[in-house]
Amino acid sequence: MITVAKFTRMIDGDKQDYQFLEHLEREYASGVGERLIQALQALDDSLSGYQVTRLEHSLQSATRAYREGADIDWIVSVLLHDIGDRYAPYNHDQYAAVVLAPYVREQCRWVVEKHGIFQRKYYGEHTGTNPNARDQYVDHPYYSDAVYFCEHWDQLSFDPDYPNLSLDYFKPLIMEVFRREAFSPNVLQHKIQVEMANERVATKRNNAV
């Protein structure tokens, strides 16, 4: 039983080395959920200037999705949509989408990946960027989902008085998603479009509070 790979150049590795490393990688990958929770906590000390921290914005956005009856893929995607702010401030949307890609529905991944462009609708005219840049995707099947994501969950979630749910409340959902089989067709659900708001589920959730 080896405890470290024998090679110093990958080309020299043998089957024993790579089976050993693959086992370690699977074991390490199983902790992604816990590490993402830590990354969310770190957003409390991220980009400043808003009336809420980046963590509070993320929790508020996810709470709005939860209270509208969104499913677990949407809720976790909304919660993590700005996870890249600390390390990829100029392409944070793509960063978050890459993190989510193996574990959530294609629909959610695409919306998170493009949400930065769609958000320009609200500030582009003030910053010299094109507020209508989203129009390049007008024929995409998930276009309306990205519009809804930004309008109902993202752009209005900077309210310091909004009673959002805590990170602890969302932890079980994060863990459930990131324990899925990565890149499973049953997870990715290519071309499947799930409604973003579900009145029946929303009523049940809100009445339980």
C-alpha atoms as a PDB file:
ATOM      1  CA  MET A   1       0.000   0.000   0.000  1.00  0.00           C
ATOM      2  CA  ILE A   2       1.641   3.251  -1.125  1.00  0.00           C
ATOM      3  CA  THR A   3       1.211   6.501   0.782  1.00  0.00           C
ATOM      4  CA  VAL A   4       2.556   8.830  -1.902  1.00  0.00           C
ATOM      5  CA  ALA A   5       2.845   8.537  -5.676  1.00  0.00           C
ATOM      6  CA  LYS A   6       6.203   7.192  -6.844  1.00  0.00           C
ATOM      7  CA  PHE A   7       6.720   9.496  -9.824  1.00  0.00           C
ATOM      8  CA  THR A   8       8.155  12.986 -10.166  1.00  0.00           C
ATOM      9  CA  ARG A   9       6.926  13.314 -13.772  1.00  0.00           C
ATOM     10  CA  MET A  10       3.359  12.355 -14.620  1.00  0.00           C
ATOM     11  CA  ILE A  11       4.516  10.429 -17.672  1.00  0.00           C
ATOM     12  CA  ASP A  12       6.345   8.015 -15.351  1.00  0.00           C
ATOM     13  CA  GLY A  13       3.310   7.153 -13.234  1.00  0.00           C
ATOM     14  CA  ASP A  14       1.897   3.625 -13.336  1.00  0.00           C
ATOM     15  CA  LYS A  15      -1.549   2.146 -12.731  1.00  0.00           C
ATOM     16  CA  GLN A  16      -0.919   1.789  -8.996  1.00  0.00           C
ATOM     17  CA  ASP A  17       0.005   5.464  -8.728  1.00  0.00           C
ATOM     18  CA  TYR A  18      -3.054   6.702 -10.547  1.00  0.00           C
ATOM     19  CA  GLN A  19      -5.512   4.413  -8.802  1.00  0.00           C
ATOM     20  CA  PHE A  20      -4.070   5.620  -5.489  1.00  0.00           C
ATOM     21  CA  LEU A  21      -4.368   9.280  -6.549  1.00  0.00           C
ATOM     22  CA  GLU A  22      -7.875   8.798  -7.929  1.00  0.00           C
ATOM     23  CA  HIS A  23      -8.986   7.430  -4.566  1.00  0.00           C
ATOM     24  CA  LEU A  24      -7.541  10.472  -2.777  1.00  0.00           C
ATOM     25  CA  GLU A  25      -9.138  12.849  -5.271  1.00  0.00           C
ATOM     26  CA  ARG A  26     -12.594  11.292  -4.783  1.00  0.00           C
ATOM     27  CA  GLU A  27     -12.148  11.544  -1.032  1.00  0.00           C
ATOM     28  CA  TYR A  28     -11.086  15.193  -1.303  1.00  0.00           C
ATOM     29  CA  ALA A  29     -13.931  16.021  -3.686  1.00  0.00           C
ATOM     30  CA  SER A  30     -16.430  14.744  -1.109  1.00  0.00           C
ATOM     31  CA  GLY A  31     -15.542  17.773   1.038  1.00  0.00           C
ATOM     32  CA  VAL A  32     -16.471  20.403  -1.554  1.00  0.00           C
ATOM     33  CA  GLY A  33     -19.698  21.278   0.256  1.00  0.00           C
ATOM     34  CA  GLU A  34     -17.922  22.045   3.523  1.00  0.00           C
ATOM     35  CA  ARG A  35     -15.322  24.172   1.745  1.00  0.00           C
ATOM     36  CA  LEU A  36     -18.004  26.136  -0.085  1.00  0.00           C
ATOM     37  CA  ILE A  37     -19.732  26.894   3.203  1.00  0.00           C
ATOM     38  CA  GLN A  38     -16.425  28.326   4.426  1.00  0.00           C
ATOM     39  CA  ALA A  39     -16.129  30.326   1.195  1.00  0.00           C
ATOM     40  CA  LEU A  40     -19.603  31.752   1.739  1.00  0.00           C
ATOM     41  CA  GLN A  41     -18.682  32.752   5.272  1.00  0.00           C
ATOM     42  CA  ALA A  42     -15.639  34.561   3.851  1.00  0.00           C
ATOM     43  CA  LEU A  43     -17.962  36.704   1.707  1.00  0.00           C
ATOM     44  CA  ASP A  44     -18.827  38.570   4.891  1.00  0.00           C
ATOM     45  CA  ASP A  45     -15.433  40.258   4.422  1.00  0.00           C
ATOM     46  CA  SER A  46     -15.595  40.829   0.693  1.00  0.00           C
ATOM     47  CA  LEU A  47     -16.526  43.668  -1.666  1.00  0.00           C
ATOM     48  CA  SER A  48     -17.712  46.688   0.337  1.00  0.00           C
ATOM     49  CA  GLY A  49     -19.721  49.806  -0.440  1.00  0.00           C
ATOM     50  CA  TYR A  50     -23.162  48.218  -0.448  1.00  0.00           C
ATOM     51  CA  GLN A  51     -25.596  48.372   2.474  1.00  0.00           C
ATOM     52  CA  VAL A  52     -25.169  44.617   2.960  1.00  0.00           C
ATOM     53  CA  THR A  53     -22.162  42.331   2.829  1.00  0.00           C
ATOM     54  CA  ARG A  54     -21.713  39.893  -0.042  1.00  0.00           C
ATOM     55  CA  LEU A  55     -22.747  37.066   2.292  1.00  0.00           C
ATOM     56  CA  GLU A  56     -25.905  38.934   3.309  1.00  0.00           C
ATOM     57  CA  HIS A  57     -26.682  39.590  -0.354  1.00  0.00           C
ATOM     58  CA  SER A  58     -26.236  35.895  -1.146  1.00  0.00           C
ATOM     59  CA  LEU A  59     -28.439  34.799   1.747  1.00  0.00           C
ATOM     60  CA  GLN A  60     -31.075  37.367   0.863  1.00  0.00           C
ATOM     61  CA  SER A  61     -31.133  36.278  -2.778  1.00  0.00           C
ATOM     62  CA  ALA A  62     -31.411  32.605  -1.825  1.00  0.00           C
ATOM     63  CA  THR A  63     -34.121  33.352   0.743  1.00  0.00           C
ATOM     64  CA  ARG A  64     -36.213  35.089  -1.908  1.00  0.00           C
ATOM     65  CA  ALA A  65     -35.842  32.036  -4.159  1.00  0.00           C
ATOM     66  CA  TYR A  66     -36.745  29.728  -1.276  1.00  0.00           C
ATOM     67  CA  ARG A  67     -39.837  31.744  -0.359  1.00  0.00           C
ATOM     68  CA  GLU A  68     -41.004  31.679  -3.980  1.00  0.00           C
ATOM     69  CA  GLY A  69     -40.938  27.886  -3.992  1.00  0.00           C
ATOM     70  CA  ALA A  70     -37.794  27.407  -6.074  1.00  0.00           C
ATOM     71  CA  ASP A  71     -36.286  23.924  -6.097  1.00  0.00           C
ATOM     72  CA  ILE A  72     -32.977  22.947  -4.486  1.00  0.00           C
ATOM     73  CA  ASP A  73     -30.912  23.495  -7.655  1.00  0.00           C
ATOM     74  CA  TRP A  74     -32.141  27.060  -7.932  1.00  0.00           C
ATOM     75  CA  ILE A  75     -31.717  27.826  -4.242  1.00  0.00           C
ATOM     76  CA  VAL A  76     -28.129  26.577  -4.047  1.00  0.00           C
ATOM     77  CA  SER A  77     -27.232  28.221  -7.358  1.00  0.00           C
ATOM     78  CA  VAL A  78     -28.593  31.556  -6.155  1.00  0.00           C
ATOM     79  CA  LEU A  79     -26.776  31.183  -2.854  1.00  0.00           C
ATOM     80  CA  LEU A  80     -23.456  30.615  -4.637  1.00  0.00           C
ATOM     81  CA  HIS A  81     -23.905  32.966  -7.594  1.00  0.00           C
ATOM     82  CA  ASP A  82     -21.378  35.506  -6.246  1.00  0.00           C
ATOM     83  CA  ILE A  83     -18.945  33.006  -4.737  1.00  0.00           C
ATOM     84  CA  GLY A  84     -16.272  34.165  -7.176  1.00  0.00           C
ATOM     85  CA  ASP A  85     -16.209  37.769  -6.002  1.00  0.00           C
ATOM     86  CA  ARG A  86     -13.098  37.275  -3.861  1.00  0.00           C
ATOM     87  CA  TYR A  87     -10.974  35.497  -6.462  1.00  0.00           C
ATOM     88  CA  ALA A  88     -12.441  36.444  -9.851  1.00  0.00           C
ATOM     89  CA  PRO A  89     -13.935  39.918  -9.511  1.00  0.00           C
ATOM     90  CA  TYR A  90     -14.058  40.497 -13.280  1.00  0.00           C
ATOM     91  CA  ASN A  91     -15.622  37.147 -14.188  1.00  0.00           C
ATOM     92  CA  HIS A  92     -17.217  36.059 -10.938  1.00  0.00           C
ATOM     93  CA  ASP A  93     -20.268  34.744 -12.771  1.00  0.00           C
ATOM     94  CA  GLN A  94     -18.187  32.285 -14.806  1.00  0.00           C
ATOM     95  CA  TYR A  95     -16.255  31.268 -11.690  1.00  0.00           C
ATOM     96  CA  ALA A  96     -19.456  30.396  -9.833  1.00  0.00           C
ATOM     97  CA  ALA A  97     -20.840  28.544 -12.843  1.00  0.00           C
ATOM     98  CA  VAL A  98     -17.726  26.361 -13.063  1.00  0.00           C
ATOM     99  CA  VAL A  99     -18.071  25.455  -9.388  1.00  0.00           C
ATOM    100  CA  LEU A 100     -21.729  24.557  -9.839  1.00  0.00           C
ATOM    101  CA  ALA A 101     -21.459  22.861 -13.255  1.00  0.00           C
ATOM    102  CA  PRO A 102     -20.932  19.221 -12.126  1.00  0.00           C
ATOM    103  CA  TYR A 103     -23.673  19.339  -9.495  1.00  0.00           C
ATOM    104  CA  VAL A 104     -26.709  21.281 -10.733  1.00  0.00           C
ATOM    105  CA  ARG A 105     -29.080  21.365 -13.667  1.00  0.00           C
ATOM    106  CA  GLU A 106     -27.739  22.888 -16.902  1.00  0.00           C
ATOM    107  CA  GLN A 107     -30.458  25.544 -16.707  1.00  0.00           C
ATOM    108  CA  CYS A 108     -29.158  26.849 -13.377  1.00  0.00           C
ATOM    109  CA  ARG A 109     -25.519  26.699 -14.416  1.00  0.00           C
ATOM    110  CA  TRP A 110     -26.207  28.725 -17.567  1.00  0.00           C
ATOM    111  CA  VAL A 111     -28.147  31.412 -15.728  1.00  0.00           C
ATOM    112  CA  VAL A 112     -25.414  31.817 -13.102  1.00  0.00           C
ATOM    113  CA  GLU A 113     -22.763  31.930 -15.833  1.00  0.00           C
ATOM    114  CA  LYS A 114     -24.579  34.751 -17.655  1.00  0.00           C
ATOM    115  CA  HIS A 115     -26.073  36.686 -14.757  1.00  0.00           C
ATOM    116  CA  GLY A 116     -23.348  39.337 -14.818  1.00  0.00           C
ATOM    117  CA  ILE A 117     -24.295  40.308 -18.356  1.00  0.00           C
ATOM    118  CA  PHE A 118     -28.002  40.276 -17.536  1.00  0.00           C
ATOM    119  CA  GLN A 119     -27.445  42.439 -14.436  1.00  0.00           C
ATOM    120  CA  ARG A 120     -26.033  45.242 -16.586  1.00  0.00           C
ATOM    121  CA  LYS A 121     -29.633  46.100 -17.416  1.00  0.00           C
ATOM    122  CA  TYR A 122     -29.811  47.900 -14.068  1.00  0.00           C
ATOM    123  CA  TYR A 123     -26.549  49.852 -14.096  1.00  0.00           C
ATOM    124  CA  GLY A 124     -24.976  49.775 -17.562  1.00  0.00           C
ATOM    125  CA  GLU A 125     -26.048  53.286 -18.492  1.00  0.00           C
ATOM    126  CA  HIS A 126     -24.296  54.623 -15.377  1.00  0.00           C
ATOM    127  CA  THR A 127     -20.997  52.795 -15.897  1.00  0.00           C
ATOM    128  CA  GLY A 128     -20.461  53.044 -19.634  1.00  0.00           C
ATOM    129  CA  THR A 129     -21.371  49.412 -20.275  1.00  0.00           C
ATOM    130  CA  ASN A 130     -24.153  48.192 -22.524  1.00  0.00           C
ATOM    131  CA  PRO A 131     -27.366  47.716 -20.516  1.00  0.00           C
ATOM    132  CA  ASN A 132     -28.800  45.707 -23.387  1.00  0.00           C
ATOM    133  CA  ALA A 133     -25.922  43.243 -23.673  1.00  0.00           C
ATOM    134  CA  ARG A 134     -28.321  40.493 -22.579  1.00  0.00           C
ATOM    135  CA  ASP A 135     -30.128  40.841 -25.902  1.00  0.00           C
ATOM    136  CA  GLN A 136     -27.503  38.663 -27.586  1.00  0.00           C
ATOM    137  CA  TYR A 137     -29.142  35.719 -25.791  1.00  0.00           C
ATOM    138  CA  VAL A 138     -32.763  36.630 -26.493  1.00  0.00           C
ATOM    139  CA  ASP A 139     -33.317  33.437 -28.481  1.00  0.00           C
ATOM    140  CA  HIS A 140     -31.690  31.169 -25.891  1.00  0.00           C
ATOM    141  CA  PRO A 141     -34.115  28.801 -24.120  1.00  0.00           C
ATOM    142  CA  TYR A 142     -32.931  29.999 -20.698  1.00  0.00           C
ATOM    143  CA  TYR A 143     -33.084  33.715 -21.498  1.00  0.00           C
ATOM    144  CA  SER A 144     -36.303  34.330 -19.571  1.00  0.00           C
ATOM    145  CA  ASP A 145     -34.916  32.397 -16.609  1.00  0.00           C
ATOM    146  CA  ALA A 146     -31.884  34.688 -16.433  1.00  0.00           C
ATOM    147  CA  VAL A 147     -34.143  37.729 -16.629  1.00  0.00           C
ATOM    148  CA  TYR A 148     -36.249  36.370 -13.763  1.00  0.00           C
ATOM    149  CA  PHE A 149     -33.169  35.446 -11.714  1.00  0.00           C
ATOM    150  CA  CYS A 150     -31.865  38.990 -11.895  1.00  0.00           C
ATOM    151  CA  GLU A 151     -35.183  40.795 -11.535  1.00  0.00           C
ATOM    152  CA  HIS A 152     -36.690  38.815  -8.660  1.00  0.00           C
ATOM    153  CA  TRP A 153     -33.719  37.420  -6.734  1.00  0.00           C
ATOM    154  CA  ASP A 154     -30.467  39.241  -7.455  1.00  0.00           C
ATOM    155  CA  GLN A 155     -30.879  42.956  -8.173  1.00  0.00           C
ATOM    156  CA  LEU A 156     -33.264  43.687  -5.290  1.00  0.00           C
ATOM    157  CA  SER A 157     -31.317  41.781  -2.618  1.00  0.00           C
ATOM    158  CA  PHE A 158     -29.305  44.642  -1.156  1.00  0.00           C
ATOM    159  CA  ASP A 159     -31.829  45.526   1.542  1.00  0.00           C
ATOM    160  CA  PRO A 160     -30.390  45.633   5.080  1.00  0.00           C
ATOM    161  CA  ASP A 161     -33.904  45.277   6.528  1.00  0.00           C
ATOM    162  CA  TYR A 162     -34.866  42.126   4.652  1.00  0.00           C
ATOM    163  CA  PRO A 163     -35.362  39.158   7.042  1.00  0.00           C
ATOM    164  CA  ASN A 164     -33.249  36.553   5.265  1.00  0.00           C
ATOM    165  CA  LEU A 165     -32.668  32.998   6.412  1.00  0.00           C
ATOM    166  CA  SER A 166     -29.307  32.116   7.957  1.00  0.00           C
ATOM    167  CA  LEU A 167     -26.403  30.278   6.373  1.00  0.00           C
ATOM    168  CA  ASP A 168     -27.009  27.468   8.863  1.00  0.00           C
ATOM    169  CA  TYR A 169     -30.499  27.069   7.415  1.00  0.00           C
ATOM    170  CA  PHE A 170     -29.084  26.501   3.934  1.00  0.00           C
ATOM    171  CA  LYS A 171     -26.177  24.235   4.910  1.00  0.00           C
ATOM    172  CA  PRO A 172     -28.140  20.954   4.489  1.00  0.00           C
ATOM    173  CA  LEU A 173     -29.152  22.004   0.966  1.00  0.00           C
ATOM    174  CA  ILE A 174     -25.547  22.801   0.041  1.00  0.00           C
ATOM    175  CA  MET A 175     -24.380  19.451   1.369  1.00  0.00           C
ATOM    176  CA  GLU A 176     -27.117  17.576  -0.487  1.00  0.00           C
ATOM    177  CA  VAL A 177     -26.223  19.158  -3.823  1.00  0.00           C
ATOM    178  CA  PHE A 178     -22.472  18.718  -3.501  1.00  0.00           C
ATOM    179  CA  ARG A 179     -22.788  15.073  -2.516  1.00  0.00           C
ATOM    180  CA  ARG A 180     -24.355  14.276  -5.871  1.00  0.00           C
ATOM    181  CA  GLU A 181     -22.559  12.209  -8.488  1.00  0.00           C
ATOM    182  CA  ALA A 182     -20.594  14.798 -10.450  1.00  0.00           C
ATOM    183  CA  PHE A 183     -21.650  15.247 -14.098  1.00  0.00           C
ATOM    184  CA  SER A 184     -24.353  12.593 -13.857  1.00  0.00           C
ATOM    185  CA  PRO A 185     -26.911  13.017 -16.679  1.00  0.00           C
ATOM    186  CA  ASN A 186     -29.608  12.794 -14.006  1.00  0.00           C
ATOM    187  CA  VAL A 187     -28.057  15.827 -12.335  1.00  0.00           C
ATOM    188  CA  LEU A 188     -27.230  17.936 -15.404  1.00  0.00           C
ATOM    189  CA  GLN A 189     -30.655  17.437 -17.020  1.00  0.00           C
ATOM    190  CA  HIS A 190     -29.676  18.797 -20.416  1.00  0.00           C
ATOM    191  CA  LYS A 191     -32.364  21.052 -21.948  1.00  0.00           C
ATOM    192  CA  ILE A 192     -34.702  20.578 -18.971  1.00  0.00           C
ATOM    193  CA  GLN A 193     -36.416  23.790 -17.858  1.00  0.00           C
ATOM    194  CA  VAL A 194     -37.795  23.834 -14.309  1.00  0.00           C
ATOM    195  CA  GLU A 195     -40.053  26.651 -13.143  1.00  0.00           C
ATOM    196  CA  MET A 196     -38.401  29.166 -10.874  1.00  0.00           C
ATOM    197  CA  ALA A 197     -41.393  29.990  -8.698  1.00  0.00           C
ATOM    198  CA  ASN A 198     -43.847  27.389  -7.445  1.00  0.00           C
ATOM    199  CA  GLU A 199     -46.848  28.833  -5.657  1.00  0.00           C
ATOM    200  CA  ARG A 200     -47.882  25.565  -3.999  1.00  0.00           C
ATOM    201  CA  VAL A 201     -44.399  24.939  -2.587  1.00  0.00           C
ATOM    202  CA  ALA A 202     -44.042  28.588  -1.604  1.00  0.00           C
ATOM    203  CA  THR A 203     -47.292  28.516   0.352  1.00  0.00           C
ATOM    204  CA  LYS A 204     -46.258  25.369   2.196  1.00  0.00           C
ATOM    205  CA  ARG A 205     -42.835  26.765   3.074  1.00  0.00           C
ATOM    206  CA  ASN A 206     -44.084  30.169   4.167  1.00  0.00           C
ATOM    207  CA  ASN A 207     -46.863  28.691   6.284  1.00  0.00           C
ATOM    208  CA  ALA A 208     -44.335  26.481   8.052  1.00  0.00           C
ATOM    209  CA  VAL A 209     -42.347  29.459   9.312  1.00  0.00           C
END
